[in-house]
Amino acid sequence: MVKEAMFKSTVKKLKLLSGKEVDLTLNFKRLLEVRSKRKDLYERYNNIIMQGTKDSFDVITVIYTAYLCGLNQIEDGMSEDEFMDELPPYIMTLNAIVRDLVTAKKPEASEKPSEAKEASQK
């Protein structure tokens, strides 16, 4: 059997207070877009990632950045203040989401029969 790397999804779902569900992700292409279009936000996000969180608002900054990265067009997103109004007030849940978003994802091995073995069984 050949082992094939299967990467875990890097998209997390977050249900806002309005009931709307949004995608959160932190991928390099989208982060580059945030850096280009929202430099102030990207600098705050990058400082948090490089130096660690210092308070609850750092967690919100990472989640808001991930929200923008989860959109097709970051210009279509809510403002940061609007987003904070929609966030559920469960800081431990938000902390867990941030941990999932920023923790390295290891590929999971999946068993797939090798072509040679399949051919020999025919």
PDB file of N, CA and C in Angstrom:
ATOM      1  N   MET A   1       0.833  -1.189   0.000  1.00  0.00           N
ATOM      2  CA  MET A   1       0.000   0.000   0.000  1.00  0.00           C
ATOM      3  C   MET A   1       0.876   1.250   0.000  1.00  0.00           C
ATOM      4  N   VAL A   2       0.433   2.240  -0.718  1.00  0.00           N
ATOM      5  CA  VAL A   2       1.128   3.516  -0.792  1.00  0.00           C
ATOM      6  C   VAL A   2       0.449   4.479   0.160  1.00  0.00           C
ATOM      7  N   LYS A   3       1.241   5.187   0.937  1.00  0.00           N
ATOM      8  CA  LYS A   3       0.666   6.191   1.837  1.00  0.00           C
ATOM      9  C   LYS A   3       0.659   7.527   1.119  1.00  0.00           C
ATOM     10  N   GLU A   4      -0.466   8.187   1.169  1.00  0.00           N
ATOM     11  CA  GLU A   4      -0.654   9.459   0.495  1.00  0.00           C
ATOM     12  C   GLU A   4      -0.945  10.519   1.546  1.00  0.00           C
ATOM     13  N   ALA A   5      -0.313  11.676   1.443  1.00  0.00           N
ATOM     14  CA  ALA A   5      -0.538  12.745   2.416  1.00  0.00           C
ATOM     15  C   ALA A   5      -1.888  13.395   2.174  1.00  0.00           C
ATOM     16  N   MET A   6      -2.671  13.501   3.202  1.00  0.00           N
ATOM     17  CA  MET A   6      -3.965  14.177   3.142  1.00  0.00           C
ATOM     18  C   MET A   6      -3.911  15.325   4.153  1.00  0.00           C
ATOM     19  N   PHE A   7      -3.916  16.562   3.670  1.00  0.00           N
ATOM     20  CA  PHE A   7      -3.831  17.701   4.565  1.00  0.00           C
ATOM     21  C   PHE A   7      -5.197  18.036   5.150  1.00  0.00           C
ATOM     22  N   LYS A   8      -5.184  18.376   6.421  1.00  0.00           N
ATOM     23  CA  LYS A   8      -6.415  18.776   7.090  1.00  0.00           C
ATOM     24  C   LYS A   8      -6.888  20.097   6.500  1.00  0.00           C
ATOM     25  N   SER A   9      -8.176  20.316   6.521  1.00  0.00           N
ATOM     26  CA  SER A   9      -8.732  21.571   6.030  1.00  0.00           C
ATOM     27  C   SER A   9      -8.229  22.715   6.893  1.00  0.00           C
ATOM     28  N   THR A  10      -7.884  23.807   6.245  1.00  0.00           N
ATOM     29  CA  THR A  10      -7.445  24.986   6.981  1.00  0.00           C
ATOM     30  C   THR A  10      -8.559  26.021   7.099  1.00  0.00           C
ATOM     31  N   VAL A  11      -9.774  25.626   6.744  1.00  0.00           N
ATOM     32  CA  VAL A  11     -10.923  26.525   6.855  1.00  0.00           C
ATOM     33  C   VAL A  11     -11.755  26.116   8.065  1.00  0.00           C
ATOM     34  N   LYS A  12     -12.004  27.077   8.925  1.00  0.00           N
ATOM     35  CA  LYS A  12     -12.849  26.868  10.098  1.00  0.00           C
ATOM     36  C   LYS A  12     -14.133  27.674   9.911  1.00  0.00           C
ATOM     37  N   LYS A  13     -15.196  27.199  10.482  1.00  0.00           N
ATOM     38  CA  LYS A  13     -16.483  27.899  10.437  1.00  0.00           C
ATOM     39  C   LYS A  13     -16.699  28.622  11.759  1.00  0.00           C
ATOM     40  N   LEU A  14     -17.295  29.804  11.684  1.00  0.00           N
ATOM     41  CA  LEU A  14     -17.656  30.556  12.877  1.00  0.00           C
ATOM     42  C   LEU A  14     -19.077  31.060  12.703  1.00  0.00           C
ATOM     43  N   LYS A  15     -19.924  30.755  13.674  1.00  0.00           N
ATOM     44  CA  LYS A  15     -21.307  31.233  13.648  1.00  0.00           C
ATOM     45  C   LYS A  15     -21.373  32.555  14.414  1.00  0.00           C
ATOM     46  N   LEU A  16     -21.803  33.590  13.719  1.00  0.00           N
ATOM     47  CA  LEU A  16     -21.901  34.916  14.311  1.00  0.00           C
ATOM     48  C   LEU A  16     -23.201  35.056  15.094  1.00  0.00           C
ATOM     49  N   LEU A  17     -23.313  36.105  15.882  1.00  0.00           N
ATOM     50  CA  LEU A  17     -24.512  36.327  16.694  1.00  0.00           C
ATOM     51  C   LEU A  17     -25.773  36.447  15.845  1.00  0.00           C
ATOM     52  N   SER A  18     -25.622  36.941  14.622  1.00  0.00           N
ATOM     53  CA  SER A  18     -26.769  37.071  13.718  1.00  0.00           C
ATOM     54  C   SER A  18     -27.239  35.722  13.187  1.00  0.00           C
ATOM     55  N   GLY A  19     -26.443  34.675  13.425  1.00  0.00           N
ATOM     56  CA  GLY A  19     -26.762  33.350  12.913  1.00  0.00           C
ATOM     57  C   GLY A  19     -26.023  33.029  11.627  1.00  0.00           C
ATOM     58  N   LYS A  20     -25.434  34.035  11.003  1.00  0.00           N
ATOM     59  CA  LYS A  20     -24.673  33.832   9.771  1.00  0.00           C
ATOM     60  C   LYS A  20     -23.391  33.066  10.092  1.00  0.00           C
ATOM     61  N   GLU A  21     -23.045  32.120   9.232  1.00  0.00           N
ATOM     62  CA  GLU A  21     -21.822  31.342   9.395  1.00  0.00           C
ATOM     63  C   GLU A  21     -20.784  31.856   8.397  1.00  0.00           C
ATOM     64  N   VAL A  22     -19.571  32.127   8.886  1.00  0.00           N
ATOM     65  CA  VAL A  22     -18.506  32.642   8.019  1.00  0.00           C
ATOM     66  C   VAL A  22     -17.313  31.691   8.037  1.00  0.00           C
ATOM     67  N   ASP A  23     -16.546  31.733   6.945  1.00  0.00           N
ATOM     68  CA  ASP A  23     -15.323  30.942   6.850  1.00  0.00           C
ATOM     69  C   ASP A  23     -14.156  31.738   7.405  1.00  0.00           C
ATOM     70  N   LEU A  24     -13.290  31.043   8.123  1.00  0.00           N
ATOM     71  CA  LEU A  24     -12.052  31.628   8.626  1.00  0.00           C
ATOM     72  C   LEU A  24     -10.894  30.803   8.088  1.00  0.00           C
ATOM     73  N   THR A  25      -9.889  31.467   7.554  1.00  0.00           N
ATOM     74  CA  THR A  25      -8.702  30.767   7.083  1.00  0.00           C
ATOM     75  C   THR A  25      -7.524  31.719   7.105  1.00  0.00           C
ATOM     76  N   LEU A  26      -6.342  31.176   7.184  1.00  0.00           N
ATOM     77  CA  LEU A  26      -5.113  31.973   7.124  1.00  0.00           C
ATOM     78  C   LEU A  26      -4.196  31.308   6.101  1.00  0.00           C
ATOM     79  N   ASN A  27      -4.407  31.629   4.826  1.00  0.00           N
ATOM     80  CA  ASN A  27      -3.493  31.084   3.831  1.00  0.00           C
ATOM     81  C   ASN A  27      -2.651  32.216   3.260  1.00  0.00           C
ATOM     82  N   PHE A  28      -1.489  31.863   2.751  1.00  0.00           N
ATOM     83  CA  PHE A  28      -0.508  32.875   2.371  1.00  0.00           C
ATOM     84  C   PHE A  28      -0.996  33.815   1.274  1.00  0.00           C
ATOM     85  N   LYS A  29      -1.701  33.301   0.295  1.00  0.00           N
ATOM     86  CA  LYS A  29      -2.175  34.161  -0.794  1.00  0.00           C
ATOM     87  C   LYS A  29      -3.129  35.232  -0.266  1.00  0.00           C
ATOM     88  N   ARG A  30      -4.048  34.819   0.589  1.00  0.00           N
ATOM     89  CA  ARG A  30      -5.017  35.776   1.147  1.00  0.00           C
ATOM     90  C   ARG A  30      -4.338  36.737   2.130  1.00  0.00           C
ATOM     91  N   LEU A  31      -3.374  36.244   2.896  1.00  0.00           N
ATOM     92  CA  LEU A  31      -2.647  37.125   3.809  1.00  0.00           C
ATOM     93  C   LEU A  31      -1.869  38.189   3.032  1.00  0.00           C
ATOM     94  N   LEU A  32      -1.337  37.811   1.881  1.00  0.00           N
ATOM     95  CA  LEU A  32      -0.644  38.771   1.033  1.00  0.00           C
ATOM     96  C   LEU A  32      -1.602  39.871   0.575  1.00  0.00           C
ATOM     97  N   GLU A  33      -2.832  39.498   0.263  1.00  0.00           N
ATOM     98  CA  GLU A  33      -3.845  40.472  -0.125  1.00  0.00           C
ATOM     99  C   GLU A  33      -4.189  41.400   1.044  1.00  0.00           C
ATOM    100  N   VAL A  34      -4.313  40.835   2.249  1.00  0.00           N
ATOM    101  CA  VAL A  34      -4.573  41.659   3.431  1.00  0.00           C
ATOM    102  C   VAL A  34      -3.397  42.611   3.651  1.00  0.00           C
ATOM    103  N   ARG A  35      -2.180  42.118   3.506  1.00  0.00           N
ATOM    104  CA  ARG A  35      -0.999  42.967   3.688  1.00  0.00           C
ATOM    105  C   ARG A  35      -1.001  44.129   2.692  1.00  0.00           C
ATOM    106  N   SER A  36      -1.442  43.861   1.486  1.00  0.00           N
ATOM    107  CA  SER A  36      -1.476  44.882   0.440  1.00  0.00           C
ATOM    108  C   SER A  36      -2.602  45.898   0.644  1.00  0.00           C
ATOM    109  N   LYS A  37      -3.792  45.414   1.030  1.00  0.00           N
ATOM    110  CA  LYS A  37      -4.974  46.277   1.086  1.00  0.00           C
ATOM    111  C   LYS A  37      -5.304  46.813   2.468  1.00  0.00           C
ATOM    112  N   ARG A  38      -4.828  46.134   3.514  1.00  0.00           N
ATOM    113  CA  ARG A  38      -5.127  46.531   4.901  1.00  0.00           C
ATOM    114  C   ARG A  38      -3.853  46.461   5.729  1.00  0.00           C
ATOM    115  N   LYS A  39      -2.875  47.268   5.346  1.00  0.00           N
ATOM    116  CA  LYS A  39      -1.531  47.199   5.930  1.00  0.00           C
ATOM    117  C   LYS A  39      -1.541  47.315   7.463  1.00  0.00           C
ATOM    118  N   ASP A  40      -2.338  48.223   8.005  1.00  0.00           N
ATOM    119  CA  ASP A  40      -2.402  48.393   9.457  1.00  0.00           C
ATOM    120  C   ASP A  40      -2.862  47.119  10.157  1.00  0.00           C
ATOM    121  N   LEU A  41      -3.883  46.494   9.624  1.00  0.00           N
ATOM    122  CA  LEU A  41      -4.388  45.240  10.188  1.00  0.00           C
ATOM    123  C   LEU A  41      -3.334  44.145  10.066  1.00  0.00           C
ATOM    124  N   TYR A  42      -2.706  44.037   8.905  1.00  0.00           N
ATOM    125  CA  TYR A  42      -1.695  43.004   8.702  1.00  0.00           C
ATOM    126  C   TYR A  42      -0.539  43.180   9.690  1.00  0.00           C
ATOM    127  N   GLU A  43      -0.110  44.396   9.916  1.00  0.00           N
ATOM    128  CA  GLU A  43       0.985  44.636  10.870  1.00  0.00           C
ATOM    129  C   GLU A  43       0.596  44.197  12.275  1.00  0.00           C
ATOM    130  N   ARG A  44      -0.627  44.505  12.695  1.00  0.00           N
ATOM    131  CA  ARG A  44      -1.099  44.043  14.015  1.00  0.00           C
ATOM    132  C   ARG A  44      -1.134  42.520  14.063  1.00  0.00           C
ATOM    133  N   TYR A  45      -1.716  41.911  13.013  1.00  0.00           N
ATOM    134  CA  TYR A  45      -1.792  40.446  12.932  1.00  0.00           C
ATOM    135  C   TYR A  45      -0.387  39.837  12.993  1.00  0.00           C
ATOM    136  N   ASN A  46       0.523  40.349  12.188  1.00  0.00           N
ATOM    137  CA  ASN A  46       1.871  39.793  12.124  1.00  0.00           C
ATOM    138  C   ASN A  46       2.593  39.909  13.463  1.00  0.00           C
ATOM    139  N   ASN A  47       2.450  41.026  14.160  1.00  0.00           N
ATOM    140  CA  ASN A  47       3.056  41.174  15.485  1.00  0.00           C
ATOM    141  C   ASN A  47       2.520  40.131  16.455  1.00  0.00           C
ATOM    142  N   ILE A  48       1.230  39.861  16.374  1.00  0.00           N
ATOM    143  CA  ILE A  48       0.622  38.857  17.259  1.00  0.00           C
ATOM    144  C   ILE A  48       1.186  37.474  16.941  1.00  0.00           C
ATOM    145  N   ILE A  49       1.260  37.135  15.661  1.00  0.00           N
ATOM    146  CA  ILE A  49       1.759  35.821  15.261  1.00  0.00           C
ATOM    147  C   ILE A  49       3.225  35.653  15.654  1.00  0.00           C
ATOM    148  N   MET A  50       4.017  36.694  15.473  1.00  0.00           N
ATOM    149  CA  MET A  50       5.449  36.602  15.749  1.00  0.00           C
ATOM    150  C   MET A  50       5.783  36.714  17.240  1.00  0.00           C
ATOM    151  N   GLN A  51       4.961  37.442  18.011  1.00  0.00           N
ATOM    152  CA  GLN A  51       5.277  37.689  19.418  1.00  0.00           C
ATOM    153  C   GLN A  51       4.293  37.070  20.400  1.00  0.00           C
ATOM    154  N   GLY A  52       3.187  36.543  19.906  1.00  0.00           N
ATOM    155  CA  GLY A  52       2.190  35.925  20.772  1.00  0.00           C
ATOM    156  C   GLY A  52       1.117  36.902  21.214  1.00  0.00           C
ATOM    157  N   THR A  53       0.006  36.342  21.667  1.00  0.00           N
ATOM    158  CA  THR A  53      -1.111  37.180  22.113  1.00  0.00           C
ATOM    159  C   THR A  53      -0.807  37.765  23.486  1.00  0.00           C
ATOM    160  N   LYS A  54      -1.290  38.982  23.684  1.00  0.00           N
ATOM    161  CA  LYS A  54      -1.098  39.654  24.963  1.00  0.00           C
ATOM    162  C   LYS A  54      -2.421  39.942  25.661  1.00  0.00           C
ATOM    163  N   ASP A  55      -3.512  40.027  24.873  1.00  0.00           N
ATOM    164  CA  ASP A  55      -4.830  40.229  25.472  1.00  0.00           C
ATOM    165  C   ASP A  55      -5.913  39.709  24.539  1.00  0.00           C
ATOM    166  N   SER A  56      -7.150  39.812  24.981  1.00  0.00           N
ATOM    167  CA  SER A  56      -8.286  39.269  24.222  1.00  0.00           C
ATOM    168  C   SER A  56      -8.437  39.916  22.852  1.00  0.00           C
ATOM    169  N   PHE A  57      -8.082  41.168  22.733  1.00  0.00           N
ATOM    170  CA  PHE A  57      -8.239  41.843  21.450  1.00  0.00           C
ATOM    171  C   PHE A  57      -7.257  41.324  20.405  1.00  0.00           C
ATOM    172  N   ASP A  58      -6.158  40.752  20.849  1.00  0.00           N
ATOM    173  CA  ASP A  58      -5.240  40.100  19.910  1.00  0.00           C
ATOM    174  C   ASP A  58      -5.920  38.894  19.265  1.00  0.00           C
ATOM    175  N   VAL A  59      -6.668  38.162  20.060  1.00  0.00           N
ATOM    176  CA  VAL A  59      -7.423  37.014  19.549  1.00  0.00           C
ATOM    177  C   VAL A  59      -8.428  37.493  18.491  1.00  0.00           C
ATOM    178  N   ILE A  60      -9.110  38.573  18.787  1.00  0.00           N
ATOM    179  CA  ILE A  60     -10.095  39.116  17.855  1.00  0.00           C
ATOM    180  C   ILE A  60      -9.417  39.585  16.565  1.00  0.00           C
ATOM    181  N   THR A  61      -8.242  40.180  16.675  1.00  0.00           N
ATOM    182  CA  THR A  61      -7.504  40.619  15.480  1.00  0.00           C
ATOM    183  C   THR A  61      -7.181  39.441  14.579  1.00  0.00           C
ATOM    184  N   VAL A  62      -6.731  38.335  15.158  1.00  0.00           N
ATOM    185  CA  VAL A  62      -6.419  37.149  14.354  1.00  0.00           C
ATOM    186  C   VAL A  62      -7.683  36.597  13.703  1.00  0.00           C
ATOM    187  N   ILE A  63      -8.769  36.541  14.456  1.00  0.00           N
ATOM    188  CA  ILE A  63     -10.029  36.020  13.904  1.00  0.00           C
ATOM    189  C   ILE A  63     -10.555  36.937  12.806  1.00  0.00           C
ATOM    190  N   TYR A  64     -10.467  38.240  12.999  1.00  0.00           N
ATOM    191  CA  TYR A  64     -10.929  39.173  11.964  1.00  0.00           C
ATOM    192  C   TYR A  64     -10.077  39.038  10.696  1.00  0.00           C
ATOM    193  N   THR A  65      -8.775  38.895  10.859  1.00  0.00           N
ATOM    194  CA  THR A  65      -7.890  38.691   9.710  1.00  0.00           C
ATOM    195  C   THR A  65      -8.263  37.400   8.985  1.00  0.00           C
ATOM    196  N   ALA A  66      -8.521  36.341   9.738  1.00  0.00           N
ATOM    197  CA  ALA A  66      -8.922  35.056   9.146  1.00  0.00           C
ATOM    198  C   ALA A  66     -10.272  35.179   8.439  1.00  0.00           C
ATOM    199  N   TYR A  67     -11.165  36.000   8.988  1.00  0.00           N
ATOM    200  CA  TYR A  67     -12.459  36.253   8.346  1.00  0.00           C
ATOM    201  C   TYR A  67     -12.251  36.915   6.985  1.00  0.00           C
ATOM    202  N   LEU A  68     -11.419  37.949   6.938  1.00  0.00           N
ATOM    203  CA  LEU A  68     -11.151  38.617   5.658  1.00  0.00           C
ATOM    204  C   LEU A  68     -10.516  37.646   4.663  1.00  0.00           C
ATOM    205  N   CYS A  69      -9.615  36.792   5.149  1.00  0.00           N
ATOM    206  CA  CYS A  69      -8.978  35.805   4.275  1.00  0.00           C
ATOM    207  C   CYS A  69      -9.979  34.773   3.762  1.00  0.00           C
ATOM    208  N   GLY A  70     -11.051  34.571   4.477  1.00  0.00           N
ATOM    209  CA  GLY A  70     -12.069  33.604   4.073  1.00  0.00           C
ATOM    210  C   GLY A  70     -13.066  34.141   3.054  1.00  0.00           C
ATOM    211  N   LEU A  71     -12.994  35.430   2.761  1.00  0.00           N
ATOM    212  CA  LEU A  71     -13.908  36.046   1.792  1.00  0.00           C
ATOM    213  C   LEU A  71     -13.348  35.937   0.378  1.00  0.00           C
ATOM    214  N   ASN A  72     -14.229  35.979  -0.609  1.00  0.00           N
ATOM    215  CA  ASN A  72     -13.782  36.033  -2.004  1.00  0.00           C
ATOM    216  C   ASN A  72     -13.109  37.364  -2.295  1.00  0.00           C
ATOM    217  N   GLN A  73     -13.650  38.443  -1.761  1.00  0.00           N
ATOM    218  CA  GLN A  73     -13.098  39.797  -1.918  1.00  0.00           C
ATOM    219  C   GLN A  73     -13.074  40.440  -0.543  1.00  0.00           C
ATOM    220  N   ILE A  74     -11.900  40.816  -0.054  1.00  0.00           N
ATOM    221  CA  ILE A  74     -11.848  41.375   1.300  1.00  0.00           C
ATOM    222  C   ILE A  74     -12.599  42.697   1.409  1.00  0.00           C
ATOM    223  N   GLU A  75     -12.768  43.385   0.279  1.00  0.00           N
ATOM    224  CA  GLU A  75     -13.512  44.647   0.288  1.00  0.00           C
ATOM    225  C   GLU A  75     -14.983  44.435   0.645  1.00  0.00           C
ATOM    226  N   ASP A  76     -15.494  43.213   0.440  1.00  0.00           N
ATOM    227  CA  ASP A  76     -16.895  42.906   0.724  1.00  0.00           C
ATOM    228  C   ASP A  76     -17.161  42.638   2.204  1.00  0.00           C
ATOM    229  N   GLY A  77     -16.112  42.579   3.004  1.00  0.00           N
ATOM    230  CA  GLY A  77     -16.261  42.210   4.405  1.00  0.00           C
ATOM    231  C   GLY A  77     -16.752  43.334   5.293  1.00  0.00           C
ATOM    232  N   MET A  78     -17.182  42.940   6.469  1.00  0.00           N
ATOM    233  CA  MET A  78     -17.600  43.902   7.491  1.00  0.00           C
ATOM    234  C   MET A  78     -16.383  44.677   7.964  1.00  0.00           C
ATOM    235  N   SER A  79     -16.625  45.853   8.520  1.00  0.00           N
ATOM    236  CA  SER A  79     -15.540  46.588   9.172  1.00  0.00           C
ATOM    237  C   SER A  79     -15.156  45.815  10.436  1.00  0.00           C
ATOM    238  N   GLU A  80     -14.037  46.150  10.998  1.00  0.00           N
ATOM    239  CA  GLU A  80     -13.602  45.469  12.220  1.00  0.00           C
ATOM    240  C   GLU A  80     -14.590  45.692  13.361  1.00  0.00           C
ATOM    241  N   ASP A  81     -15.118  46.899  13.472  1.00  0.00           N
ATOM    242  CA  ASP A  81     -16.112  47.193  14.522  1.00  0.00           C
ATOM    243  C   ASP A  81     -17.393  46.394  14.312  1.00  0.00           C
ATOM    244  N   GLU A  82     -17.873  46.344  13.060  1.00  0.00           N
ATOM    245  CA  GLU A  82     -19.072  45.551  12.764  1.00  0.00           C
ATOM    246  C   GLU A  82     -18.837  44.085  13.096  1.00  0.00           C
ATOM    247  N   PHE A  83     -17.655  43.585  12.768  1.00  0.00           N
ATOM    248  CA  PHE A  83     -17.323  42.193  13.030  1.00  0.00           C
ATOM    249  C   PHE A  83     -17.314  41.914  14.533  1.00  0.00           C
ATOM    250  N   MET A  84     -16.729  42.834  15.310  1.00  0.00           N
ATOM    251  CA  MET A  84     -16.700  42.641  16.769  1.00  0.00           C
ATOM    252  C   MET A  84     -18.107  42.609  17.344  1.00  0.00           C
ATOM    253  N   ASP A  85     -19.023  43.411  16.780  1.00  0.00           N
ATOM    254  CA  ASP A  85     -20.411  43.392  17.239  1.00  0.00           C
ATOM    255  C   ASP A  85     -21.067  42.041  16.990  1.00  0.00           C
ATOM    256  N   GLU A  86     -20.603  41.322  15.976  1.00  0.00           N
ATOM    257  CA  GLU A  86     -21.188  40.033  15.589  1.00  0.00           C
ATOM    258  C   GLU A  86     -20.517  38.831  16.271  1.00  0.00           C
ATOM    259  N   LEU A  87     -19.363  39.046  16.898  1.00  0.00           N
ATOM    260  CA  LEU A  87     -18.646  37.927  17.515  1.00  0.00           C
ATOM    261  C   LEU A  87     -19.366  37.395  18.743  1.00  0.00           C
ATOM    262  N   PRO A  88     -19.440  36.083  18.870  1.00  0.00           N
ATOM    263  CA  PRO A  88     -19.994  35.522  20.110  1.00  0.00           C
ATOM    264  C   PRO A  88     -19.040  35.835  21.272  1.00  0.00           C
ATOM    265  N   PRO A  89     -19.565  36.047  22.470  1.00  0.00           N
ATOM    266  CA  PRO A  89     -18.744  36.492  23.600  1.00  0.00           C
ATOM    267  C   PRO A  89     -18.036  35.354  24.352  1.00  0.00           C
ATOM    268  N   TYR A  90     -17.650  34.324  23.649  1.00  0.00           N
ATOM    269  CA  TYR A  90     -17.048  33.153  24.295  1.00  0.00           C
ATOM    270  C   TYR A  90     -15.553  33.134  24.010  1.00  0.00           C
ATOM    271  N   ILE A  91     -14.781  33.808  24.849  1.00  0.00           N
ATOM    272  CA  ILE A  91     -13.358  33.995  24.588  1.00  0.00           C
ATOM    273  C   ILE A  91     -12.594  32.667  24.527  1.00  0.00           C
ATOM    274  N   MET A  92     -12.988  31.684  25.315  1.00  0.00           N
ATOM    275  CA  MET A  92     -12.282  30.400  25.281  1.00  0.00           C
ATOM    276  C   MET A  92     -12.508  29.696  23.940  1.00  0.00           C
ATOM    277  N   THR A  93     -13.714  29.797  23.401  1.00  0.00           N
ATOM    278  CA  THR A  93     -14.006  29.230  22.078  1.00  0.00           C
ATOM    279  C   THR A  93     -13.211  29.958  21.014  1.00  0.00           C
ATOM    280  N   LEU A  94     -13.161  31.279  21.106  1.00  0.00           N
ATOM    281  CA  LEU A  94     -12.391  32.073  20.146  1.00  0.00           C
ATOM    282  C   LEU A  94     -10.904  31.739  20.240  1.00  0.00           C
ATOM    283  N   ASN A  95     -10.401  31.551  21.461  1.00  0.00           N
ATOM    284  CA  ASN A  95      -8.995  31.138  21.646  1.00  0.00           C
ATOM    285  C   ASN A  95      -8.725  29.810  20.951  1.00  0.00           C
ATOM    286  N   ALA A  96      -9.641  28.865  21.091  1.00  0.00           N
ATOM    287  CA  ALA A  96      -9.468  27.547  20.474  1.00  0.00           C
ATOM    288  C   ALA A  96      -9.463  27.656  18.944  1.00  0.00           C
ATOM    289  N   ILE A  97     -10.307  28.521  18.411  1.00  0.00           N
ATOM    290  CA  ILE A  97     -10.333  28.717  16.956  1.00  0.00           C
ATOM    291  C   ILE A  97      -8.998  29.286  16.483  1.00  0.00           C
ATOM    292  N   VAL A  98      -8.491  30.271  17.189  1.00  0.00           N
ATOM    293  CA  VAL A  98      -7.195  30.859  16.817  1.00  0.00           C
ATOM    294  C   VAL A  98      -6.101  29.810  16.885  1.00  0.00           C
ATOM    295  N   ARG A  99      -6.106  28.999  17.930  1.00  0.00           N
ATOM    296  CA  ARG A  99      -5.104  27.928  18.054  1.00  0.00           C
ATOM    297  C   ARG A  99      -5.164  27.007  16.844  1.00  0.00           C
ATOM    298  N   ASP A 100      -6.376  26.624  16.453  1.00  0.00           N
ATOM    299  CA  ASP A 100      -6.539  25.748  15.286  1.00  0.00           C
ATOM    300  C   ASP A 100      -6.056  26.414  14.003  1.00  0.00           C
ATOM    301  N   LEU A 101      -6.295  27.705  13.873  1.00  0.00           N
ATOM    302  CA  LEU A 101      -5.908  28.418  12.663  1.00  0.00           C
ATOM    303  C   LEU A 101      -4.393  28.588  12.534  1.00  0.00           C
ATOM    304  N   VAL A 102      -3.713  28.815  13.644  1.00  0.00           N
ATOM    305  CA  VAL A 102      -2.281  29.140  13.566  1.00  0.00           C
ATOM    306  C   VAL A 102      -1.361  27.962  13.836  1.00  0.00           C
ATOM    307  N   THR A 103      -1.900  26.856  14.310  1.00  0.00           N
ATOM    308  CA  THR A 103      -1.075  25.682  14.575  1.00  0.00           C
ATOM    309  C   THR A 103      -0.789  24.961  13.266  1.00  0.00           C
ATOM    310  N   ALA A 104       0.443  24.557  13.097  1.00  0.00           N
ATOM    311  CA  ALA A 104       0.825  23.844  11.869  1.00  0.00           C
ATOM    312  C   ALA A 104      -0.028  22.605  11.692  1.00  0.00           C
ATOM    313  N   LYS A 105      -0.434  22.379  10.476  1.00  0.00           N
ATOM    314  CA  LYS A 105      -1.254  21.215  10.148  1.00  0.00           C
ATOM    315  C   LYS A 105      -0.350  20.120   9.592  1.00  0.00           C
ATOM    316  N   LYS A 106      -0.333  18.992  10.255  1.00  0.00           N
ATOM    317  CA  LYS A 106       0.453  17.862   9.763  1.00  0.00           C
ATOM    318  C   LYS A 106      -0.390  17.047   8.796  1.00  0.00           C
ATOM    319  N   PRO A 107       0.230  16.583   7.735  1.00  0.00           N
ATOM    320  CA  PRO A 107      -0.535  15.719   6.829  1.00  0.00           C
ATOM    321  C   PRO A 107      -0.866  14.410   7.528  1.00  0.00           C
ATOM    322  N   GLU A 108      -2.013  13.880   7.201  1.00  0.00           N
ATOM    323  CA  GLU A 108      -2.414  12.581   7.734  1.00  0.00           C
ATOM    324  C   GLU A 108      -2.222  11.550   6.638  1.00  0.00           C
ATOM    325  N   ALA A 109      -1.636  10.426   6.977  1.00  0.00           N
ATOM    326  CA  ALA A 109      -1.433   9.366   5.994  1.00  0.00           C
ATOM    327  C   ALA A 109      -2.749   8.641   5.767  1.00  0.00           C
ATOM    328  N   SER A 110      -3.041   8.381   4.518  1.00  0.00           N
ATOM    329  CA  SER A 110      -4.219   7.579   4.206  1.00  0.00           C
ATOM    330  C   SER A 110      -3.755   6.373   3.414  1.00  0.00           C
ATOM    331  N   GLU A 111      -4.351   5.262   3.689  1.00  0.00           N
ATOM    332  CA  GLU A 111      -3.977   4.033   3.002  1.00  0.00           C
ATOM    333  C   GLU A 111      -4.637   3.998   1.635  1.00  0.00           C
ATOM    334  N   LYS A 112      -3.829   3.781   0.612  1.00  0.00           N
ATOM    335  CA  LYS A 112      -4.343   3.669  -0.741  1.00  0.00           C
ATOM    336  C   LYS A 112      -3.618   2.493  -1.374  1.00  0.00           C
ATOM    337  N   PRO A 113      -4.346   1.524  -1.889  1.00  0.00           N
ATOM    338  CA  PRO A 113      -3.681   0.369  -2.482  1.00  0.00           C
ATOM    339  C   PRO A 113      -2.773   0.800  -3.623  1.00  0.00           C
ATOM    340  N   SER A 114      -1.586   0.217  -3.686  1.00  0.00           N
ATOM    341  CA  SER A 114      -0.668   0.549  -4.768  1.00  0.00           C
ATOM    342  C   SER A 114      -1.204  -0.013  -6.079  1.00  0.00           C
ATOM    343  N   GLU A 115      -0.843   0.634  -7.171  1.00  0.00           N
ATOM    344  CA  GLU A 115      -1.311   0.204  -8.489  1.00  0.00           C
ATOM    345  C   GLU A 115      -0.824  -1.205  -8.804  1.00  0.00           C
ATOM    346  N   ALA A 116       0.407  -1.525  -8.402  1.00  0.00           N
ATOM    347  CA  ALA A 116       0.964  -2.851  -8.673  1.00  0.00           C
ATOM    348  C   ALA A 116       0.151  -3.934  -7.966  1.00  0.00           C
ATOM    349  N   LYS A 117      -0.211  -3.664  -6.726  1.00  0.00           N
ATOM    350  CA  LYS A 117      -0.975  -4.646  -5.963  1.00  0.00           C
ATOM    351  C   LYS A 117      -2.361  -4.815  -6.569  1.00  0.00           C
ATOM    352  N   GLU A 118      -2.973  -3.713  -6.977  1.00  0.00           N
ATOM    353  CA  GLU A 118      -4.299  -3.792  -7.603  1.00  0.00           C
ATOM    354  C   GLU A 118      -4.236  -4.606  -8.881  1.00  0.00           C
ATOM    355  N   ALA A 119      -3.183  -4.391  -9.676  1.00  0.00           N
ATOM    356  CA  ALA A 119      -3.035  -5.101 -10.948  1.00  0.00           C
ATOM    357  C   ALA A 119      -2.854  -6.596 -10.715  1.00  0.00           C
ATOM    358  N   SER A 120      -2.122  -6.951  -9.638  1.00  0.00           N
ATOM    359  CA  SER A 120      -1.865  -8.364  -9.380  1.00  0.00           C
ATOM    360  C   SER A 120      -3.113  -9.110  -8.875  1.00  0.00           C
ATOM    361  N   GLN A 121      -4.081  -8.336  -8.334  1.00  0.00           N
ATOM    362  CA  GLN A 121      -5.295  -8.951  -7.819  1.00  0.00           C
ATOM    363  C   GLN A 121      -6.356  -9.130  -8.889  1.00  0.00           C
ATOM    364  N   LYS A 122      -6.105  -8.624 -10.089  1.00  0.00           N
ATOM    365  CA  LYS A 122      -7.091  -8.745 -11.171  1.00  0.00           C
ATOM    366  C   LYS A 122      -6.921 -10.017 -11.949  1.00  0.00           C
TER     367      LYS A 122
END
